[in-house]
């Protein structure tokens, strides 16, 4: 598990983009921009599941069932927003920063 501290906004989006890119076919196709539909980039159903597992492992969280939808996995931007909402909810539920968010 990797710390989520400091990974908000652009840094979070870059991490998500990298995790998605690992699941795409190496066809040298289009650049994976924030709003490019992931299906157009070559992400299939198996790649979607692998991306979900990679995200949950990377951030040490579990996306709730209501976020595991085609809309969430539409683009890097929509996926980043969903992950950010889960991270924010966990922080709110614990009354602030989580233990692994501590800055050394």
C-alpha atoms as a PDB file:
ATOM      1  CA  UNK A   1       0.000   0.000   0.000  1.00  0.00           C
ATOM      2  CA  UNK A   2       1.243   3.468  -0.851  1.00  0.00           C
ATOM      3  CA  UNK A   3       0.620   6.534   1.278  1.00  0.00           C
ATOM      4  CA  UNK A   4      -2.076   8.840  -0.024  1.00  0.00           C
ATOM      5  CA  UNK A   5      -0.607  11.906   1.728  1.00  0.00           C
ATOM      6  CA  UNK A   6       0.005  14.703  -0.714  1.00  0.00           C
ATOM      7  CA  UNK A   7      -1.723  12.876  -3.551  1.00  0.00           C
ATOM      8  CA  UNK A   8      -4.646  15.087  -4.276  1.00  0.00           C
ATOM      9  CA  UNK A   9      -5.705  16.866  -7.418  1.00  0.00           C
ATOM     10  CA  UNK A  10      -3.105  16.486 -10.156  1.00  0.00           C
ATOM     11  CA  UNK A  11      -0.938  13.985  -8.262  1.00  0.00           C
ATOM     12  CA  UNK A  12      -3.923  11.731  -7.593  1.00  0.00           C
ATOM     13  CA  UNK A  13      -4.978  12.008 -11.235  1.00  0.00           C
ATOM     14  CA  UNK A  14      -1.475  11.078 -12.405  1.00  0.00           C
ATOM     15  CA  UNK A  15      -1.421   8.005 -10.180  1.00  0.00           C
ATOM     16  CA  UNK A  16      -4.837   6.927 -11.488  1.00  0.00           C
ATOM     17  CA  UNK A  17      -3.723   7.569 -15.071  1.00  0.00           C
ATOM     18  CA  UNK A  18      -0.633   5.421 -14.554  1.00  0.00           C
ATOM     19  CA  UNK A  19      -2.674   2.587 -13.029  1.00  0.00           C
ATOM     20  CA  UNK A  20      -5.116   2.682 -15.949  1.00  0.00           C
ATOM     21  CA  UNK A  21      -2.323   2.894 -18.537  1.00  0.00           C
ATOM     22  CA  UNK A  22      -0.843  -0.381 -17.240  1.00  0.00           C
ATOM     23  CA  UNK A  23      -4.081  -2.125 -18.236  1.00  0.00           C
ATOM     24  CA  UNK A  24      -4.202  -0.799 -21.788  1.00  0.00           C
ATOM     25  CA  UNK A  25      -2.942  -2.672 -24.839  1.00  0.00           C
ATOM     26  CA  UNK A  26       0.459  -1.501 -26.081  1.00  0.00           C
ATOM     27  CA  UNK A  27      -0.772  -0.286 -29.434  1.00  0.00           C
ATOM     28  CA  UNK A  28       0.886   3.114 -29.321  1.00  0.00           C
ATOM     29  CA  UNK A  29      -2.544   4.678 -29.712  1.00  0.00           C
ATOM     30  CA  UNK A  30      -3.929   7.897 -28.397  1.00  0.00           C
ATOM     31  CA  UNK A  31      -2.529   9.718 -25.395  1.00  0.00           C
ATOM     32  CA  UNK A  32      -4.439   8.939 -22.206  1.00  0.00           C
ATOM     33  CA  UNK A  33      -5.872  12.363 -21.459  1.00  0.00           C
ATOM     34  CA  UNK A  34      -8.158  13.076 -18.471  1.00  0.00           C
ATOM     35  CA  UNK A  35     -11.365  13.069 -20.540  1.00  0.00           C
ATOM     36  CA  UNK A  36     -10.609  10.373 -23.118  1.00  0.00           C
ATOM     37  CA  UNK A  37     -13.206   7.607 -22.762  1.00  0.00           C
ATOM     38  CA  UNK A  38     -11.305   4.625 -21.387  1.00  0.00           C
ATOM     39  CA  UNK A  39     -13.145   2.274 -23.765  1.00  0.00           C
ATOM     40  CA  UNK A  40     -11.778   4.329 -26.685  1.00  0.00           C
ATOM     41  CA  UNK A  41      -8.302   3.942 -25.179  1.00  0.00           C
ATOM     42  CA  UNK A  42      -8.725   0.147 -25.247  1.00  0.00           C
ATOM     43  CA  UNK A  43      -9.824  -0.610 -21.674  1.00  0.00           C
ATOM     44  CA  UNK A  44     -12.013  -3.714 -21.773  1.00  0.00           C
ATOM     45  CA  UNK A  45     -13.955  -5.419 -18.982  1.00  0.00           C
ATOM     46  CA  UNK A  46     -10.964  -7.441 -17.773  1.00  0.00           C
ATOM     47  CA  UNK A  47      -8.842  -4.306 -17.789  1.00  0.00           C
ATOM     48  CA  UNK A  48     -11.524  -2.503 -15.813  1.00  0.00           C
ATOM     49  CA  UNK A  49     -11.467  -5.188 -13.112  1.00  0.00           C
ATOM     50  CA  UNK A  50      -7.656  -5.151 -13.057  1.00  0.00           C
ATOM     51  CA  UNK A  51      -7.724  -1.356 -12.738  1.00  0.00           C
ATOM     52  CA  UNK A  52     -10.174  -1.593  -9.837  1.00  0.00           C
ATOM     53  CA  UNK A  53      -7.926  -4.095  -8.049  1.00  0.00           C
ATOM     54  CA  UNK A  54      -4.839  -1.951  -8.692  1.00  0.00           C
ATOM     55  CA  UNK A  55      -6.536   1.181  -7.338  1.00  0.00           C
ATOM     56  CA  UNK A  56      -7.811  -0.570  -4.237  1.00  0.00           C
ATOM     57  CA  UNK A  57      -4.358  -2.024  -3.601  1.00  0.00           C
ATOM     58  CA  UNK A  58      -2.506   1.229  -4.293  1.00  0.00           C
ATOM     59  CA  UNK A  59      -4.674   3.316  -1.985  1.00  0.00           C
ATOM     60  CA  UNK A  60      -5.612   0.681   0.581  1.00  0.00           C
ATOM     61  CA  UNK A  61      -9.303   1.282   0.106  1.00  0.00           C
ATOM     62  CA  UNK A  62     -12.363  -0.385  -1.289  1.00  0.00           C
ATOM     63  CA  UNK A  63     -14.581   1.386  -3.781  1.00  0.00           C
ATOM     64  CA  UNK A  64     -18.187   1.007  -2.666  1.00  0.00           C
ATOM     65  CA  UNK A  65     -20.455  -0.959  -5.003  1.00  0.00           C
ATOM     66  CA  UNK A  66     -22.349   2.178  -6.002  1.00  0.00           C
ATOM     67  CA  UNK A  67     -19.114   3.573  -7.501  1.00  0.00           C
ATOM     68  CA  UNK A  68     -18.239   0.471  -9.502  1.00  0.00           C
ATOM     69  CA  UNK A  69     -20.165   1.617 -12.551  1.00  0.00           C
ATOM     70  CA  UNK A  70     -19.504   2.360 -16.207  1.00  0.00           C
ATOM     71  CA  UNK A  71     -19.858   6.065 -15.377  1.00  0.00           C
ATOM     72  CA  UNK A  72     -17.049   5.888 -12.814  1.00  0.00           C
ATOM     73  CA  UNK A  73     -14.786   4.083 -15.272  1.00  0.00           C
ATOM     74  CA  UNK A  74     -15.642   6.403 -18.164  1.00  0.00           C
ATOM     75  CA  UNK A  75     -12.405   8.417 -18.029  1.00  0.00           C
ATOM     76  CA  UNK A  76      -9.386   9.137 -15.871  1.00  0.00           C
ATOM     77  CA  UNK A  77     -11.188  12.254 -14.627  1.00  0.00           C
ATOM     78  CA  UNK A  78     -14.328  10.376 -13.502  1.00  0.00           C
ATOM     79  CA  UNK A  79     -12.269   7.624 -11.910  1.00  0.00           C
ATOM     80  CA  UNK A  80     -10.083  10.145 -10.078  1.00  0.00           C
ATOM     81  CA  UNK A  81     -13.176  11.933  -8.766  1.00  0.00           C
ATOM     82  CA  UNK A  82     -14.575   8.655  -7.435  1.00  0.00           C
ATOM     83  CA  UNK A  83     -11.329   7.709  -5.688  1.00  0.00           C
ATOM     84  CA  UNK A  84     -11.012  11.226  -4.253  1.00  0.00           C
ATOM     85  CA  UNK A  85     -14.542  10.994  -2.856  1.00  0.00           C
ATOM     86  CA  UNK A  86     -13.705   7.719  -1.076  1.00  0.00           C
ATOM     87  CA  UNK A  87     -10.426   9.094   0.303  1.00  0.00           C
ATOM     88  CA  UNK A  88     -12.225  12.245   1.507  1.00  0.00           C
ATOM     89  CA  UNK A  89     -15.018  10.194   3.114  1.00  0.00           C
ATOM     90  CA  UNK A  90     -12.465   8.060   4.962  1.00  0.00           C
ATOM     91  CA  UNK A  91     -10.705  11.173   6.245  1.00  0.00           C
ATOM     92  CA  UNK A  92     -14.014  12.680   7.376  1.00  0.00           C
ATOM     93  CA  UNK A  93     -15.051   9.450   9.089  1.00  0.00           C
ATOM     94  CA  UNK A  94     -11.833   9.327  11.080  1.00  0.00           C
ATOM     95  CA  UNK A  95     -12.075  12.956  12.128  1.00  0.00           C
ATOM     96  CA  UNK A  96      -9.180  14.161  10.030  1.00  0.00           C
ATOM     97  CA  UNK A  97      -6.105  12.619   8.578  1.00  0.00           C
ATOM     98  CA  UNK A  98      -5.628   8.878   8.666  1.00  0.00           C
ATOM     99  CA  UNK A  99      -2.570   7.408  10.340  1.00  0.00           C
ATOM    100  CA  UNK A 100      -0.914   6.681   6.989  1.00  0.00           C
ATOM    101  CA  UNK A 101      -1.382  10.319   5.985  1.00  0.00           C
ATOM    102  CA  UNK A 102       1.085  11.537   8.595  1.00  0.00           C
ATOM    103  CA  UNK A 103       3.882  13.627   7.201  1.00  0.00           C
ATOM    104  CA  UNK A 104       7.279  12.655   8.521  1.00  0.00           C
END
